[in-house]
Every structure is written in structure tokens, then in C-alpha cells.
C-alpha atoms as a PDB file:
ATOM      1  CA  MET A   1     -68.760 -42.003-256.325  1.00  0.00           C
ATOM      2  CA  THR A   2     -67.663 -39.492-258.763  1.00  0.00           C
ATOM      3  CA  LEU A   3     -63.996 -39.714-259.728  1.00  0.00           C
ATOM      4  CA  HIS A   4     -62.435 -36.427-260.613  1.00  0.00           C
ATOM      5  CA  ARG A   5     -60.581 -36.376-263.948  1.00  0.00           C
ATOM      6  CA  SER A   6     -57.182 -36.287-262.203  1.00  0.00           C
ATOM      7  CA  THR A   7     -57.750 -39.747-260.175  1.00  0.00           C
ATOM      8  CA  ALA A   8     -59.737 -41.574-263.006  1.00  0.00           C
ATOM      9  CA  PRO A   9     -57.843 -45.013-263.586  1.00  0.00           C
ATOM     10  CA  TYR A  10     -57.153 -43.752-266.892  1.00  0.00           C
ATOM     11  CA  ALA A  11     -55.721 -40.546-266.326  1.00  0.00           C
ATOM     12  CA  ALA A  12     -51.718 -40.063-266.996  1.00  0.00           C
ATOM     13  CA  HIS A  13     -51.228 -39.085-263.243  1.00  0.00           C
ATOM     14  CA  CYS A  14     -53.812 -41.486-261.561  1.00  0.00           C
ATOM     15  CA  PRO A  15     -52.059 -43.094-258.635  1.00  0.00           C
ATOM     16  CA  VAL A  16     -54.037 -46.454-259.523  1.00  0.00           C
ATOM     17  CA  ARG A  17     -51.788 -46.148-262.677  1.00  0.00           C
ATOM     18  CA  ASP A  18     -48.725 -45.388-260.457  1.00  0.00           C
ATOM     19  CA  VAL A  19     -49.425 -48.639-258.694  1.00  0.00           C
ATOM     20  CA  LEU A  20     -50.780 -50.719-261.414  1.00  0.00           C
ATOM     21  CA  ASP A  21     -47.417 -50.245-263.110  1.00  0.00           C
ATOM     22  CA  ARG A  22     -45.682 -52.136-260.323  1.00  0.00           C
ATOM     23  CA  LEU A  23     -48.312 -54.584-259.627  1.00  0.00           C
ATOM     24  CA  GLY A  24     -49.392 -55.486-262.945  1.00  0.00           C
ATOM     25  CA  ASP A  25     -46.392 -56.392-264.318  1.00  0.00           C
ATOM     26  CA  ARG A  26     -45.558 -59.896-265.147  1.00  0.00           C
ATOM     27  CA  TRP A  27     -43.222 -61.043-261.947  1.00  0.00           C
ATOM     28  CA  SER A  28     -44.140 -58.772-259.078  1.00  0.00           C
ATOM     29  CA  THR A  29     -47.358 -60.645-258.227  1.00  0.00           C
ATOM     30  CA  LEU A  30     -45.534 -63.985-258.695  1.00  0.00           C
ATOM     31  CA  VAL A  31     -42.661 -62.627-256.072  1.00  0.00           C
ATOM     32  CA  LEU A  32     -45.441 -61.164-253.433  1.00  0.00           C
ATOM     33  CA  GLN A  33     -47.094 -64.507-253.619  1.00  0.00           C
ATOM     34  CA  ALA A  34     -43.809 -66.529-253.193  1.00  0.00           C
ATOM     35  CA  LEU A  35     -43.183 -64.576-250.249  1.00  0.00           C
ATOM     36  CA  LYS A  36     -46.458 -64.695-248.409  1.00  0.00           C
ATOM     37  CA  ASP A  37     -45.785 -67.524-246.317  1.00  0.00           C
ATOM     38  CA  ALA A  38     -42.270 -66.678-245.105  1.00  0.00           C
ATOM     39  CA  PRO A  39     -39.107 -64.936-246.318  1.00  0.00           C
ATOM     40  CA  LEU A  40     -36.997 -66.253-248.735  1.00  0.00           C
ATOM     41  CA  ARG A  41     -33.392 -65.879-250.239  1.00  0.00           C
ATOM     42  CA  PHE A  42     -32.787 -64.939-253.768  1.00  0.00           C
ATOM     43  CA  ALA A  43     -32.154 -68.585-254.922  1.00  0.00           C
ATOM     44  CA  ALA A  44     -35.079 -69.953-253.403  1.00  0.00           C
ATOM     45  CA  LEU A  45     -37.359 -67.499-254.871  1.00  0.00           C
ATOM     46  CA  GLN A  46     -35.830 -67.754-258.262  1.00  0.00           C
ATOM     47  CA  ARG A  47     -36.338 -71.603-257.811  1.00  0.00           C
ATOM     48  CA  ALA A  48     -40.099 -70.978-256.857  1.00  0.00           C
ATOM     49  CA  ILE A  49     -40.669 -68.999-260.052  1.00  0.00           C
ATOM     50  CA  ASP A  50     -40.473 -70.965-262.910  1.00  0.00           C
ATOM     51  CA  ASP A  51     -39.056 -68.896-266.089  1.00  0.00           C
ATOM     52  CA  VAL A  52     -37.857 -65.648-264.617  1.00  0.00           C
ATOM     53  CA  SER A  53     -34.370 -64.586-264.955  1.00  0.00           C
ATOM     54  CA  LYS A  54     -31.814 -63.613-262.533  1.00  0.00           C
ATOM     55  CA  ARG A  55     -31.606 -60.072-263.931  1.00  0.00           C
ATOM     56  CA  MET A  56     -35.514 -59.818-263.984  1.00  0.00           C
ATOM     57  CA  LEU A  57     -35.675 -61.178-260.509  1.00  0.00           C
ATOM     58  CA  ALA A  58     -33.399 -58.816-259.265  1.00  0.00           C
ATOM     59  CA  LYS A  59     -34.960 -55.763-261.040  1.00  0.00           C
ATOM     60  CA  THR A  60     -38.237 -56.850-259.608  1.00  0.00           C
ATOM     61  CA  LEU A  61     -37.101 -57.287-256.156  1.00  0.00           C
ATOM     62  CA  ARG A  62     -35.446 -53.718-256.298  1.00  0.00           C
ATOM     63  CA  GLY A  63     -38.995 -52.153-257.635  1.00  0.00           C
ATOM     64  CA  LEU A  64     -40.786 -53.951-254.847  1.00  0.00           C
ATOM     65  CA  GLU A  65     -38.527 -52.676-251.917  1.00  0.00           C
ATOM     66  CA  GLU A  66     -38.438 -49.453-253.728  1.00  0.00           C
ATOM     67  CA  ASP A  67     -42.503 -49.230-253.231  1.00  0.00           C
ATOM     68  CA  GLY A  68     -42.200 -50.314-249.764  1.00  0.00           C
ATOM     69  CA  LEU A  69     -43.908 -53.940-250.263  1.00  0.00           C
ATOM     70  CA  VAL A  70     -40.661 -56.199-249.788  1.00  0.00           C
ATOM     71  CA  THR A  71     -37.490 -55.640-247.775  1.00  0.00           C
ATOM     72  CA  ARG A  72     -34.192 -56.754-248.342  1.00  0.00           C
ATOM     73  CA  THR A  73     -32.337 -57.957-245.309  1.00  0.00           C
ATOM     74  CA  VAL A  74     -28.396 -58.629-245.748  1.00  0.00           C
ATOM     75  CA  PHE A  75     -26.915 -61.171-243.011  1.00  0.00           C
ATOM     76  CA  PRO A  76     -23.296 -60.634-241.863  1.00  0.00           C
ATOM     77  CA  SER A  77     -22.051 -63.876-242.956  1.00  0.00           C
ATOM     78  CA  LYS A  78     -19.382 -65.187-245.795  1.00  0.00           C
ATOM     79  CA  PRO A  79     -20.945 -65.088-248.751  1.00  0.00           C
ATOM     80  CA  PRO A  80     -23.532 -62.500-247.388  1.00  0.00           C
ATOM     81  CA  ALA A  81     -26.725 -64.134-246.953  1.00  0.00           C
ATOM     82  CA  VAL A  82     -29.744 -62.113-248.510  1.00  0.00           C
ATOM     83  CA  GLU A  83     -33.358 -62.795-247.804  1.00  0.00           C
ATOM     84  CA  TYR A  84     -36.424 -60.927-248.843  1.00  0.00           C
ATOM     85  CA  ALA A  85     -39.837 -60.737-246.643  1.00  0.00           C
ATOM     86  CA  LEU A  86     -43.123 -58.960-247.455  1.00  0.00           C
ATOM     87  CA  THR A  87     -43.681 -55.675-245.590  1.00  0.00           C
ATOM     88  CA  PRO A  88     -47.185 -54.906-243.767  1.00  0.00           C
ATOM     89  CA  LEU A  89     -48.007 -52.935-247.117  1.00  0.00           C
ATOM     90  CA  GLY A  90     -46.852 -55.926-249.065  1.00  0.00           C
ATOM     91  CA  ARG A  91     -48.783 -58.521-246.657  1.00  0.00           C
ATOM     92  CA  SER A  92     -51.904 -56.282-247.438  1.00  0.00           C
ATOM     93  CA  PHE A  93     -52.076 -57.077-251.049  1.00  0.00           C
ATOM     94  CA  VAL A  94     -51.659 -60.474-250.757  1.00  0.00           C
ATOM     95  CA  PRO A  95     -55.791 -61.411-250.386  1.00  0.00           C
ATOM     96  CA  HIS A  96     -56.092 -59.571-253.743  1.00  0.00           C
ATOM     97  CA  ILE A  97     -53.653 -61.540-255.355  1.00  0.00           C
ATOM     98  CA  GLU A  98     -55.158 -64.737-253.783  1.00  0.00           C
ATOM     99  CA  ALA A  99     -58.250 -63.689-255.195  1.00  0.00           C
ATOM    100  CA  LEU A 100     -56.885 -63.016-258.749  1.00  0.00           C
ATOM    101  CA  VAL A 101     -55.135 -66.617-258.229  1.00  0.00           C
ATOM    102  CA  ALA A 102     -58.373 -68.300-257.701  1.00  0.00           C
ATOM    103  CA  TRP A 103     -60.304 -66.113-260.521  1.00  0.00           C
ATOM    104  CA  ALA A 104     -57.544 -67.607-262.852  1.00  0.00           C
ATOM    105  CA  GLU A 105     -57.970 -70.928-262.086  1.00  0.00           C
ATOM    106  CA  THR A 106     -61.914 -70.823-262.268  1.00  0.00           C
ATOM    107  CA  HIS A 107     -61.890 -69.087-265.893  1.00  0.00           C
ATOM    108  CA  HIS A 108     -58.548 -70.219-267.281  1.00  0.00           C
ATOM    109  CA  ASP A 109     -60.160 -72.991-269.494  1.00  0.00           C
ATOM    110  CA  ALA A 110     -62.922 -70.225-270.700  1.00  0.00           C
ATOM    111  CA  ILE A 111     -60.041 -67.878-271.688  1.00  0.00           C
ATOM    112  CA  ARG A 112     -58.123 -70.281-273.470  1.00  0.00           C
ATOM    113  CA  SER A 113     -61.395 -71.607-275.169  1.00  0.00           C
ATOM    114  CA  ALA A 114     -62.017 -68.071-276.502  1.00  0.00           C
ATOM    115  CA  ARG A 115     -58.162 -67.652-277.534  1.00  0.00           C
ATOM    116  CA  ARG A 116     -58.427 -70.676-279.697  1.00  0.00           C
ATOM    117  CA  ARG A 117     -61.821 -69.329-281.168  1.00  0.00           C
ATOM    118  CA  TYR A 118     -60.634 -66.059-281.741  1.00  0.00           C
ATOM    119  CA  GLN A 119     -57.276 -67.292-283.171  1.00  0.00           C
ATOM    120  CA  ALA A 120     -59.418 -69.305-285.642  1.00  0.00           C
ATOM    121  CA  THR A 121     -61.188 -66.197-286.986  1.00  0.00           C
ATOM    122  CA  PRO A 122     -60.689 -65.191-290.562  1.00  0.00           C
ATOM    123  CA  ALA A 123     -60.772 -61.538-289.485  1.00  0.00           C
ATOM    124  CA  HIS A 124     -57.848 -62.516-287.025  1.00  0.00           C
ATOM    125  CA  ASP A 125     -55.904 -64.405-289.627  1.00  0.00           C
ATOM    126  CA  ALA A 126     -56.194 -61.175-291.843  1.00  0.00           C
ATOM    127  CA  GLY A 127     -54.587 -59.266-289.299  1.00  0.00           C
ATOM    128  CA  ARG A 128     -57.300 -56.808-288.704  1.00  0.00           C
END
């Protein structure tokens, strides 16, 4: 398959880049993974994902909702309860996240070893 210049992954206006802008960030895949089994409220999501701030989680959820990957449902209660769930589109990405998780778990030790070797090289110390 030949990619046209406008759809090559490295072209500025490529659909792949557009999608990776969202799914390739630090938090989006973690949020999608956290929602894979059941809808969750904001506080439960924040507890499920170590180190994410309220601000960053809210921003990530808004972006995922904007892209049609997550739905936000407000329940009429006092105070209002808000629940987040995967859409069918978001659910379709879960197997890819699970494959990435499996790959990361399999290769994490090798990557950490490579980082240590790289950081121990004189070229790295010199700031190349």
C-alpha cells in the first residue's frame, strides 16, 4: 500500500497524527484502560490512576469526550453525580491498549537496561 503525501503519518495534516495527538498523550490511554470494565465517577477514576491531578484528569476527559471516545452522564442528585463511560468507539481501542500494556510489560526490563546503558555512556554525559 502506498501512502499519499497528505496521509503519510509524518505529514502535518495526517489523520494518524490527529488521532495520536489525543491517544498518544500520557493520560488518555490510562483513562480508557481504567474505563474498560465499567463506567466510573471522577473520584474513582482519579483513585485508579496514580499521579494524575484533578485538572489534568478533567482536561483529558473533556478531550476524550470531544473525540467521541468517552461519554459523560450527569445524574440529577444533590450534589450531581457524574459518570464517565467508554463509547463504542472508545471500546474499539481497548484491545490496542491491552496489546500495548502487554508489550510494555514484556519489554520493560530491556528498556530500563537500555536507558541505564545509554545514560552511562560518555557521549550522553557530554550532552551530545
